[in-house]
């Protein structure tokens, strides 16, 4: 059905590079591999199987709750330059209107 999809060394090299690249500030670097596994979890299961992304590349059971918590916390950060905040300000609303 989807014979054009197959595991590729490039995918696994990319994941390795993303694990090793310091994309987070030092106090948060421990989260980077976990968030990378969370990103893999976003890929539909049929596609992960076709690409050879086994369960090893996905979240561990104990990490799922931590990723949800981190996402919920990050969703509450009000960035003055974000489009949502800029839109609120143009409408005369407080910066945190959409976050309250």
N, C-alpha and C. Protein backbone atom coordinates (compact mmCIF):
# COMPACT_ATOMS: atom_id res chain seq x y z
N UNK A 1 0.83 -1.19 0.00
CA UNK A 1 0.00 0.00 0.00
C UNK A 1 0.88 1.26 0.00
N UNK A 2 1.80 1.38 0.95
CA UNK A 2 2.69 2.54 1.01
C UNK A 2 4.11 2.05 0.81
N UNK A 3 4.38 1.45 -0.31
CA UNK A 3 5.67 0.84 -0.55
C UNK A 3 6.79 1.86 -0.71
N UNK A 4 6.47 3.13 -0.91
CA UNK A 4 7.48 4.16 -1.06
C UNK A 4 8.08 4.56 0.28
N UNK A 5 7.51 4.08 1.37
CA UNK A 5 8.05 4.37 2.70
C UNK A 5 8.90 3.21 3.17
N UNK A 6 10.09 3.52 3.60
CA UNK A 6 10.98 2.47 4.10
C UNK A 6 11.94 3.08 5.11
N UNK A 7 12.44 2.28 6.02
CA UNK A 7 13.44 2.80 6.97
C UNK A 7 14.65 3.35 6.21
N UNK A 8 15.21 4.41 6.73
CA UNK A 8 16.37 5.04 6.09
C UNK A 8 17.37 5.43 7.17
N UNK A 9 18.64 5.25 6.88
CA UNK A 9 19.68 5.63 7.83
C UNK A 9 19.64 7.12 8.12
N UNK A 10 19.17 7.91 7.18
CA UNK A 10 19.11 9.36 7.36
C UNK A 10 18.19 9.73 8.52
N UNK A 11 17.08 9.04 8.66
CA UNK A 11 16.15 9.30 9.76
C UNK A 11 16.85 9.08 11.10
N UNK A 12 17.55 7.97 11.22
CA UNK A 12 18.20 7.64 12.48
C UNK A 12 19.40 8.54 12.75
N UNK A 13 20.08 8.98 11.70
CA UNK A 13 21.17 9.94 11.87
C UNK A 13 20.62 11.28 12.35
N UNK A 14 19.50 11.71 11.77
CA UNK A 14 18.86 12.96 12.19
C UNK A 14 18.48 12.90 13.66
N UNK A 15 17.86 11.80 14.07
CA UNK A 15 17.47 11.66 15.48
C UNK A 15 18.70 11.70 16.39
N UNK A 16 19.79 11.08 15.97
CA UNK A 16 21.03 11.10 16.76
C UNK A 16 21.58 12.52 16.86
N UNK A 17 21.59 13.24 15.76
CA UNK A 17 22.06 14.63 15.77
C UNK A 17 21.21 15.47 16.71
N UNK A 18 19.91 15.30 16.65
CA UNK A 18 19.01 16.07 17.51
C UNK A 18 19.20 15.72 18.98
N UNK A 19 19.55 14.48 19.28
CA UNK A 19 19.83 14.08 20.66
C UNK A 19 21.11 14.73 21.18
N UNK A 20 22.10 14.86 20.31
CA UNK A 20 23.41 15.33 20.72
C UNK A 20 23.60 16.84 20.63
N UNK A 21 22.79 17.52 19.83
CA UNK A 21 22.91 18.97 19.66
C UNK A 21 22.35 19.68 20.88
N UNK A 22 23.09 20.63 21.40
CA UNK A 22 22.65 21.38 22.58
C UNK A 22 21.66 22.46 22.16
N UNK A 23 20.39 22.11 22.12
CA UNK A 23 19.34 23.04 21.70
C UNK A 23 18.69 23.74 22.89
N UNK A 24 18.86 23.20 24.07
CA UNK A 24 18.25 23.75 25.27
C UNK A 24 19.35 24.37 26.14
N UNK A 25 18.97 25.33 27.01
CA UNK A 25 19.96 25.85 27.94
C UNK A 25 20.40 24.74 28.91
N UNK A 26 21.60 24.83 29.45
CA UNK A 26 22.12 23.74 30.29
C UNK A 26 21.17 23.18 31.35
N UNK A 27 20.43 24.01 32.10
CA UNK A 27 19.57 23.42 33.13
C UNK A 27 18.42 22.56 32.57
N UNK A 28 18.09 22.74 31.29
CA UNK A 28 16.97 22.00 30.69
C UNK A 28 17.41 20.94 29.69
N UNK A 29 18.70 20.74 29.50
CA UNK A 29 19.18 19.78 28.49
C UNK A 29 18.72 18.36 28.74
N UNK A 30 18.48 18.02 30.00
CA UNK A 30 18.03 16.66 30.30
C UNK A 30 16.67 16.37 29.66
N UNK A 31 15.92 17.42 29.33
CA UNK A 31 14.60 17.23 28.72
C UNK A 31 14.67 16.98 27.22
N UNK A 32 15.75 17.37 26.59
CA UNK A 32 15.84 17.31 25.13
C UNK A 32 15.60 15.91 24.57
N UNK A 33 16.27 14.86 25.05
CA UNK A 33 16.00 13.53 24.50
C UNK A 33 14.56 13.09 24.71
N UNK A 34 14.00 13.46 25.86
CA UNK A 34 12.62 13.09 26.15
C UNK A 34 11.66 13.80 25.20
N UNK A 35 11.89 15.08 24.93
CA UNK A 35 11.01 15.82 24.02
C UNK A 35 11.19 15.35 22.58
N UNK A 36 12.36 14.87 22.25
CA UNK A 36 12.57 14.28 20.94
C UNK A 36 11.75 12.99 20.80
N UNK A 37 11.74 12.18 21.86
CA UNK A 37 10.90 10.97 21.85
C UNK A 37 9.43 11.34 21.78
N UNK A 38 9.03 12.45 22.44
CA UNK A 38 7.64 12.91 22.37
C UNK A 38 7.29 13.32 20.95
N UNK A 39 8.23 13.94 20.25
CA UNK A 39 8.00 14.33 18.85
C UNK A 39 7.78 13.09 17.98
N UNK A 40 8.54 12.04 18.23
CA UNK A 40 8.36 10.79 17.47
C UNK A 40 6.97 10.23 17.74
N UNK A 41 6.49 10.37 18.97
CA UNK A 41 5.15 9.88 19.33
C UNK A 41 4.05 10.58 18.53
N UNK A 42 4.32 11.79 18.06
CA UNK A 42 3.32 12.52 17.27
C UNK A 42 3.13 11.93 15.88
N UNK A 43 4.08 11.17 15.43
CA UNK A 43 4.00 10.55 14.10
C UNK A 43 2.99 9.40 14.17
N UNK A 44 2.08 9.31 13.22
CA UNK A 44 1.10 8.22 13.24
C UNK A 44 1.79 6.84 13.33
N UNK A 45 1.17 5.94 14.06
CA UNK A 45 1.77 4.63 14.32
C UNK A 45 2.12 3.88 13.03
N UNK A 46 1.24 3.93 12.03
CA UNK A 46 1.51 3.21 10.79
C UNK A 46 2.77 3.74 10.10
N UNK A 47 2.99 5.06 10.23
CA UNK A 47 4.16 5.66 9.62
C UNK A 47 5.43 5.31 10.41
N UNK A 48 5.32 5.33 11.74
CA UNK A 48 6.47 4.92 12.56
C UNK A 48 6.89 3.50 12.23
N UNK A 49 5.92 2.62 12.08
CA UNK A 49 6.23 1.22 11.74
C UNK A 49 6.90 1.14 10.37
N UNK A 50 6.37 1.88 9.41
CA UNK A 50 6.94 1.84 8.05
C UNK A 50 8.37 2.37 8.02
N UNK A 51 8.66 3.33 8.88
CA UNK A 51 9.99 3.94 8.90
C UNK A 51 10.96 3.23 9.84
N UNK A 52 10.47 2.23 10.55
CA UNK A 52 11.34 1.48 11.46
C UNK A 52 11.57 2.16 12.78
N UNK A 53 10.69 3.08 13.14
CA UNK A 53 10.81 3.76 14.43
C UNK A 53 10.10 2.93 15.50
N UNK A 54 10.82 2.02 16.08
CA UNK A 54 10.24 1.11 17.07
C UNK A 54 9.90 1.86 18.36
N UNK A 55 9.36 1.13 19.32
CA UNK A 55 8.99 1.72 20.60
C UNK A 55 10.20 2.34 21.31
N UNK A 56 11.38 1.88 20.97
CA UNK A 56 12.61 2.42 21.54
C UNK A 56 12.74 3.92 21.28
N UNK A 57 12.19 4.41 20.18
CA UNK A 57 12.29 5.81 19.81
C UNK A 57 11.16 6.66 20.38
N UNK A 58 10.18 6.03 21.02
CA UNK A 58 9.06 6.76 21.60
C UNK A 58 9.25 7.02 23.08
N UNK A 59 8.25 7.63 23.68
CA UNK A 59 8.30 7.97 25.10
C UNK A 59 8.27 6.72 25.97
N UNK A 60 8.97 6.81 27.08
CA UNK A 60 8.86 5.79 28.11
C UNK A 60 7.58 6.07 28.89
N UNK A 61 7.06 5.08 29.56
CA UNK A 61 5.78 5.24 30.27
C UNK A 61 5.85 6.37 31.31
N UNK A 62 6.93 6.46 32.05
CA UNK A 62 7.04 7.47 33.10
C UNK A 62 7.27 8.88 32.55
N UNK A 63 7.65 9.01 31.30
CA UNK A 63 7.92 10.32 30.71
C UNK A 63 6.66 11.02 30.20
N UNK A 64 5.66 10.27 29.90
CA UNK A 64 4.44 10.82 29.30
C UNK A 64 3.83 11.92 30.18
N UNK A 65 3.70 11.67 31.46
CA UNK A 65 3.11 12.65 32.38
C UNK A 65 3.99 13.90 32.48
N UNK A 66 5.29 13.72 32.51
CA UNK A 66 6.21 14.85 32.60
C UNK A 66 6.13 15.72 31.35
N UNK A 67 6.02 15.11 30.18
CA UNK A 67 5.90 15.88 28.93
C UNK A 67 4.59 16.66 28.91
N UNK A 68 3.51 16.05 29.37
CA UNK A 68 2.23 16.78 29.42
C UNK A 68 2.32 17.96 30.37
N UNK A 69 2.95 17.77 31.51
CA UNK A 69 3.11 18.85 32.48
C UNK A 69 3.96 19.97 31.89
N UNK A 70 5.08 19.62 31.26
CA UNK A 70 5.96 20.63 30.66
C UNK A 70 5.23 21.41 29.57
N UNK A 71 4.44 20.72 28.77
CA UNK A 71 3.66 21.39 27.73
C UNK A 71 2.64 22.35 28.31
N UNK A 72 1.97 21.93 29.38
CA UNK A 72 0.98 22.79 30.02
C UNK A 72 1.64 24.03 30.61
N UNK A 73 2.82 23.86 31.20
CA UNK A 73 3.55 25.01 31.75
C UNK A 73 4.00 25.95 30.63
N UNK A 74 4.53 25.40 29.58
CA UNK A 74 5.01 26.22 28.46
C UNK A 74 3.86 26.97 27.79
N UNK A 75 2.69 26.38 27.80
CA UNK A 75 1.53 27.01 27.19
C UNK A 75 1.08 28.25 27.95
N UNK A 76 1.51 28.39 29.18
CA UNK A 76 1.12 29.53 30.01
C UNK A 76 2.13 30.67 29.99
N UNK A 77 3.21 30.52 29.26
CA UNK A 77 4.23 31.57 29.18
C UNK A 77 3.75 32.64 28.20
N UNK A 78 3.64 33.85 28.69
CA UNK A 78 3.17 34.98 27.87
C UNK A 78 4.38 35.65 27.25
N UNK A 79 4.51 35.55 25.94
CA UNK A 79 5.60 36.20 25.21
C UNK A 79 5.05 37.46 24.54
N UNK A 80 5.51 38.63 24.95
CA UNK A 80 4.98 39.88 24.39
C UNK A 80 5.06 39.98 22.87
N UNK A 81 6.03 39.31 22.26
CA UNK A 81 6.17 39.40 20.81
C UNK A 81 5.36 38.35 20.05
N UNK A 82 4.64 37.49 20.76
CA UNK A 82 3.88 36.44 20.07
C UNK A 82 2.66 37.03 19.35
N UNK A 83 2.24 36.41 18.28
CA UNK A 83 1.07 36.90 17.55
C UNK A 83 -0.19 36.97 18.42
N UNK A 84 -0.36 36.02 19.33
CA UNK A 84 -1.55 36.03 20.19
C UNK A 84 -1.55 37.26 21.08
N UNK A 85 -0.43 37.58 21.68
CA UNK A 85 -0.35 38.75 22.56
C UNK A 85 -0.50 40.03 21.74
N UNK A 86 0.15 40.10 20.60
CA UNK A 86 0.04 41.28 19.75
C UNK A 86 -1.41 41.52 19.33
N UNK A 87 -2.12 40.45 19.04
CA UNK A 87 -3.53 40.57 18.66
C UNK A 87 -4.36 41.12 19.82
N UNK A 88 -4.10 40.62 21.03
CA UNK A 88 -4.82 41.12 22.20
C UNK A 88 -4.56 42.61 22.39
N UNK A 89 -3.32 43.01 22.26
CA UNK A 89 -2.97 44.42 22.46
C UNK A 89 -3.64 45.32 21.41
N UNK A 90 -3.71 44.85 20.16
CA UNK A 90 -4.39 45.63 19.11
C UNK A 90 -5.87 45.81 19.42
N UNK A 91 -6.45 44.83 20.11
CA UNK A 91 -7.86 44.91 20.46
C UNK A 91 -8.11 45.62 21.78
N UNK A 92 -7.02 46.09 22.40
CA UNK A 92 -7.15 46.79 23.67
C UNK A 92 -7.34 45.86 24.85
N UNK A 93 -6.99 44.62 24.71
CA UNK A 93 -7.13 43.63 25.78
C UNK A 93 -5.80 43.48 26.50
N UNK A 94 -5.83 42.97 27.73
CA UNK A 94 -4.58 42.75 28.43
C UNK A 94 -3.73 41.67 27.71
N UNK A 95 -2.41 41.74 27.91
CA UNK A 95 -1.50 40.80 27.27
C UNK A 95 -1.85 39.35 27.57
N UNK A 96 -2.29 39.08 28.79
CA UNK A 96 -2.55 37.69 29.19
C UNK A 96 -4.02 37.28 29.02
N UNK A 97 -4.76 38.03 28.24
CA UNK A 97 -6.20 37.74 28.06
C UNK A 97 -6.45 36.30 27.60
N UNK A 98 -5.68 35.82 26.64
CA UNK A 98 -5.88 34.47 26.11
C UNK A 98 -5.30 33.39 27.01
N UNK A 99 -4.54 33.79 28.01
CA UNK A 99 -3.87 32.83 28.88
C UNK A 99 -4.55 32.69 30.24
N UNK A 100 -5.52 33.55 30.50
CA UNK A 100 -6.19 33.54 31.81
C UNK A 100 -7.22 32.43 31.89
